[in-house]
Amino acid sequence: MRYAVYPISGGGFFRWRLIDSNGRRIATSDEYFYSQSNAMAAASRFKSRCSSWTYEVYGDLMGIYRWRAMSTDNKIVALSGESFSSQFGARGAVSNVQVNGGSASGP
């Protein structure tokens, strides 16, 4: 896994992503950042704390599940990079982030 910071087209903002070895988005920042350095700093914070954040798995009326990571003050700091057809799949993705996100390369 690796962290990457990327620009948002047409807006001058940046976000970070956690990407697996196949190029799939595992997680993404919940917010936009005014500079690349701020996005990198946020990715570094997530990396250092991803094993201790609170994660919430939620579903919609169509049976699609996602997860979000929350800081200690209940601020959403990251979102799942993909949707899941089951709660079990979303919880497995959370476990993957908690176990491997701290050792991913970057930012």
Protein backbone atom coordinates (compact mmCIF):
# COMPACT_ATOMS: atom_id res chain seq x y z
CA MET A 1 0.00 0.00 0.00
CA ARG A 2 0.99 3.59 -0.51
CA TYR A 3 -0.32 7.07 0.20
CA ALA A 4 -0.62 9.54 -2.66
CA VAL A 5 -1.64 13.19 -2.81
CA TYR A 6 -3.41 14.39 -5.93
CA PRO A 7 -4.90 17.64 -7.22
CA ILE A 8 -8.63 18.08 -7.70
CA SER A 9 -9.22 19.14 -11.29
CA GLY A 10 -10.40 22.68 -11.81
CA GLY A 11 -10.31 23.71 -8.19
CA GLY A 12 -6.76 24.16 -6.96
CA PHE A 13 -7.41 21.80 -4.06
CA PHE A 14 -5.75 18.54 -3.05
CA ARG A 15 -6.78 15.25 -1.42
CA TRP A 16 -4.92 12.14 -0.31
CA ARG A 17 -5.60 8.49 -1.07
CA LEU A 18 -4.42 5.16 0.26
CA ILE A 19 -3.85 2.85 -2.72
CA ASP A 20 -3.20 -0.89 -2.78
CA SER A 21 -0.61 -2.66 -4.95
CA ASN A 22 -3.22 -3.13 -7.72
CA GLY A 23 -3.94 0.60 -7.89
CA ARG A 24 -7.33 0.34 -6.13
CA ARG A 25 -8.36 3.16 -3.82
CA ILE A 26 -8.59 1.79 -0.30
CA ALA A 27 -9.27 5.10 1.47
CA THR A 28 -9.51 8.76 0.63
CA SER A 29 -9.51 11.96 2.64
CA ASP A 30 -12.88 13.37 3.57
CA GLU A 31 -11.83 16.95 3.02
CA TYR A 32 -10.15 19.06 0.38
CA PHE A 33 -6.91 20.88 1.23
CA TYR A 34 -5.72 24.24 -0.05
CA SER A 35 -2.17 23.03 -0.60
CA GLN A 36 -0.34 19.85 -1.44
CA SER A 37 1.69 20.15 1.77
CA ASN A 38 -1.50 20.32 3.89
CA ALA A 39 -2.84 17.19 2.17
CA MET A 40 0.48 15.43 2.79
CA ALA A 41 0.39 16.43 6.45
CA ALA A 42 -3.17 15.08 6.79
CA ALA A 43 -2.14 11.80 5.13
CA SER A 44 0.77 11.52 7.57
CA ARG A 45 -1.59 12.07 10.52
CA PHE A 46 -3.96 9.41 9.22
CA LYS A 47 -1.05 7.02 8.67
CA SER A 48 0.21 7.48 12.22
CA ARG A 49 -3.24 7.10 13.80
CA CYS A 50 -5.16 4.77 11.47
CA SER A 51 -4.93 1.85 13.85
CA SER A 52 -6.57 3.82 16.66
CA TRP A 53 -9.31 5.80 14.86
CA THR A 54 -12.94 4.82 15.32
CA TYR A 55 -14.42 3.26 12.18
CA GLU A 56 -18.09 3.21 11.30
CA VAL A 57 -19.59 0.88 8.69
CA TYR A 58 -22.85 2.11 7.22
CA GLY A 59 -25.21 1.05 4.47
CA ASP A 60 -27.80 2.66 2.26
CA LEU A 61 -31.26 1.55 1.18
CA MET A 62 -29.79 -0.24 -1.86
CA GLY A 63 -27.67 -2.55 0.31
CA ILE A 64 -24.36 -0.86 -0.48
CA TYR A 65 -21.90 -0.53 2.42
CA ARG A 66 -19.05 1.88 3.04
CA TRP A 67 -16.92 2.86 6.01
CA ARG A 68 -15.63 6.12 7.46
CA ALA A 69 -12.88 6.82 9.96
CA MET A 70 -13.60 9.26 12.77
CA SER A 71 -11.17 11.18 14.96
CA THR A 72 -11.50 11.38 18.73
CA ASP A 73 -13.63 14.54 18.34
CA ASN A 74 -15.96 12.68 15.91
CA LYS A 75 -14.66 14.48 12.83
CA ILE A 76 -14.69 12.30 9.69
CA VAL A 77 -11.08 11.99 8.51
CA ALA A 78 -11.29 9.31 5.81
CA LEU A 79 -13.77 7.43 3.68
CA SER A 80 -13.74 4.05 2.03
CA GLY A 81 -12.32 4.14 -1.47
CA GLU A 82 -14.93 1.71 -2.75
CA SER A 83 -18.35 0.35 -1.87
CA PHE A 84 -19.13 -3.17 -0.65
CA SER A 85 -22.03 -5.52 -1.18
CA SER A 86 -21.95 -6.68 2.44
CA GLN A 87 -21.24 -5.36 5.89
CA PHE A 88 -18.71 -8.17 6.25
CA GLY A 89 -16.76 -6.91 3.21
CA ALA A 90 -16.70 -3.35 4.55
CA ARG A 91 -15.50 -4.56 7.96
CA GLY A 92 -12.73 -6.56 6.25
CA ALA A 93 -11.59 -3.40 4.49
CA VAL A 94 -11.54 -1.53 7.81
CA SER A 95 -9.36 -4.25 9.29
CA ASN A 96 -7.01 -4.00 6.30
CA VAL A 97 -6.60 -0.24 6.84
CA GLN A 98 -6.11 -0.62 10.59
CA VAL A 99 -3.46 -3.34 10.19
CA ASN A 100 -1.63 -2.13 7.05
CA GLY A 101 -2.29 1.61 6.75
CA GLY A 102 0.43 2.54 9.24
CA SER A 103 3.14 0.69 7.32
CA ALA A 104 2.14 1.89 3.85
CA SER A 105 4.71 3.93 1.94
CA GLY A 106 4.43 7.71 1.62
CA PRO A 107 3.34 10.33 1.84
